[in-house]
Amino acid sequence: MASKASSFAALGGLVYSTDSGRHCPDCGKPVAECICGQPQVPEGDGICRVRRETKGRGGKTVTTVSGTPLAGEALKALATALKKRCGTGGALKDGVIEIQGDHVDVLLAELARQGLKAKKSGG
């Protein structure tokens, strides 16, 4: 019968932690060496599609921008710039920028001004 350890010193330095530390949870490499956590540029034709939607939003109109050839911080910065340009709120969900209200024409002009190809999608 094995005796029970009565102190931490008796465990021989064994420590259990649920904290993953500074290692990537997917590949186990240190965060500085990991590339799997880096945002990947989404695949597509590089054209931003701007459309007006109301479905699933309780009748509220939202303008969405999808297919942007940006990722990570650049996409967040674009979303912030578009929200400021329209003077409304919005969100960035799964690579799709959502701007509150009907701002299709304003967003098309702003995306073209920033050097991105954009086209109107939907009705």
Protein backbone atom coordinates (compact mmCIF):
# COMPACT_ATOMS: atom_id res chain seq x y z
CA MET A 1 0.00 0.00 0.00
CA ALA A 2 1.43 3.38 -1.03
CA SER A 3 1.63 6.11 1.52
CA LYS A 4 -0.01 9.44 0.88
CA ALA A 5 2.27 12.47 0.37
CA SER A 6 1.89 14.88 3.25
CA SER A 7 3.61 17.89 1.73
CA PHE A 8 4.46 19.48 -1.62
CA ALA A 9 8.15 18.71 -1.09
CA ALA A 10 7.31 15.01 -0.92
CA LEU A 11 5.84 15.19 -4.43
CA GLY A 12 9.27 15.88 -5.91
CA GLY A 13 8.39 19.22 -7.51
CA LEU A 14 5.39 17.87 -9.41
CA VAL A 15 2.92 20.68 -10.03
CA TYR A 16 -0.31 20.46 -11.99
CA SER A 17 -1.70 23.53 -13.67
CA THR A 18 -4.68 24.14 -15.93
CA ASP A 19 -3.08 27.31 -17.23
CA SER A 20 -1.71 26.78 -20.74
CA GLY A 21 0.89 29.52 -20.26
CA ARG A 22 2.48 31.12 -23.27
CA HIS A 23 2.09 28.09 -25.51
CA CYS A 24 -0.29 27.69 -28.41
CA PRO A 25 -3.19 25.45 -27.36
CA ASP A 26 -3.35 23.96 -30.88
CA CYS A 27 0.25 23.03 -31.68
CA GLY A 28 1.96 23.32 -28.27
CA LYS A 29 4.74 25.59 -29.55
CA PRO A 30 5.64 28.82 -27.76
CA VAL A 31 3.44 31.70 -28.86
CA ALA A 32 6.40 33.53 -30.45
CA GLU A 33 7.11 30.53 -32.74
CA CYS A 34 3.50 29.57 -33.49
CA ILE A 35 2.02 30.41 -36.88
CA CYS A 36 -1.28 28.54 -36.54
CA GLY A 37 -2.70 31.31 -34.33
CA GLN A 38 -1.81 34.02 -36.84
CA PRO A 39 -4.78 35.37 -38.79
CA GLN A 40 -4.80 34.00 -42.30
CA VAL A 41 -5.90 36.16 -45.23
CA PRO A 42 -9.28 34.78 -46.29
CA GLU A 43 -9.48 33.09 -49.64
CA GLY A 44 -11.65 34.67 -52.28
CA ASP A 45 -11.58 36.91 -55.30
CA GLY A 46 -10.51 40.02 -53.35
CA ILE A 47 -13.72 41.94 -54.00
CA CYS A 48 -15.62 43.40 -51.04
CA ARG A 49 -19.33 42.74 -51.33
CA VAL A 50 -21.58 45.32 -49.71
CA ARG A 51 -25.23 44.47 -49.07
CA ARG A 52 -28.18 45.60 -47.01
CA GLU A 53 -29.77 42.98 -44.74
CA THR A 54 -32.74 42.85 -42.37
CA LYS A 55 -33.23 39.10 -42.03
CA GLY A 56 -32.79 37.72 -38.52
CA ARG A 57 -32.30 41.15 -36.95
CA GLY A 58 -35.77 41.95 -35.72
CA GLY A 59 -36.52 44.21 -38.69
CA LYS A 60 -33.45 46.38 -38.15
CA THR A 61 -31.42 47.25 -41.23
CA VAL A 62 -27.74 46.36 -41.26
CA THR A 63 -25.20 46.89 -44.03
CA THR A 64 -22.68 44.07 -44.30
CA VAL A 65 -19.26 44.06 -45.97
CA SER A 66 -17.93 40.59 -46.74
CA GLY A 67 -15.04 39.18 -48.74
CA THR A 68 -12.49 41.76 -47.68
CA PRO A 69 -8.93 40.66 -48.51
CA LEU A 70 -7.70 41.69 -45.04
CA ALA A 71 -7.22 39.81 -41.79
CA GLY A 72 -6.53 40.50 -38.13
CA GLU A 73 -5.74 44.04 -37.06
CA ALA A 74 -6.07 45.44 -40.58
CA LEU A 75 -9.68 44.18 -40.75
CA LYS A 76 -10.44 45.63 -37.30
CA ALA A 77 -8.99 48.98 -38.38
CA LEU A 78 -11.11 48.95 -41.55
CA ALA A 79 -14.25 48.16 -39.55
CA THR A 80 -13.51 51.04 -37.17
CA ALA A 81 -12.89 53.44 -40.05
CA LEU A 82 -16.15 52.44 -41.77
CA LYS A 83 -18.14 52.85 -38.55
CA LYS A 84 -16.65 56.31 -38.01
CA ARG A 85 -17.35 57.29 -41.62
CA CYS A 86 -21.02 56.32 -41.26
CA GLY A 87 -21.32 57.72 -37.74
CA THR A 88 -22.97 54.55 -36.45
CA GLY A 89 -22.18 51.45 -34.50
CA GLY A 90 -21.40 48.05 -35.84
CA ALA A 91 -19.53 44.82 -35.32
CA LEU A 92 -16.96 42.51 -36.84
CA LYS A 93 -18.23 38.92 -36.83
CA ASP A 94 -16.43 36.03 -38.55
CA GLY A 95 -14.68 38.30 -41.04
CA VAL A 96 -17.90 40.14 -41.97
CA ILE A 97 -18.19 43.82 -41.06
CA GLU A 98 -21.70 44.81 -39.94
CA ILE A 99 -22.65 48.50 -39.91
CA GLN A 100 -25.95 49.58 -38.37
CA GLY A 101 -28.33 51.22 -40.83
CA ASP A 102 -28.54 51.49 -44.63
CA HIS A 103 -25.15 52.85 -45.75
CA VAL A 104 -24.46 50.90 -48.96
CA ASP A 105 -23.54 53.91 -51.12
CA VAL A 106 -21.37 55.53 -48.44
CA LEU A 107 -19.50 52.27 -47.82
CA LEU A 108 -18.94 51.63 -51.53
CA ALA A 109 -17.40 55.10 -51.89
CA GLU A 110 -15.25 54.72 -48.74
CA LEU A 111 -13.94 51.28 -49.74
CA ALA A 112 -13.02 52.61 -53.19
CA ARG A 113 -11.27 55.58 -51.56
CA GLN A 114 -9.21 53.18 -49.42
CA GLY A 115 -8.12 51.31 -52.54
CA LEU A 116 -10.27 48.20 -52.16
CA LYS A 117 -12.42 46.78 -54.95
CA ALA A 118 -16.05 46.81 -53.90
CA LYS A 119 -19.35 45.99 -55.50
CA LYS A 120 -22.97 46.10 -54.44
CA SER A 121 -24.45 42.71 -53.70
CA GLY A 122 -28.08 41.70 -53.42
CA GLY A 123 -31.04 43.94 -54.26
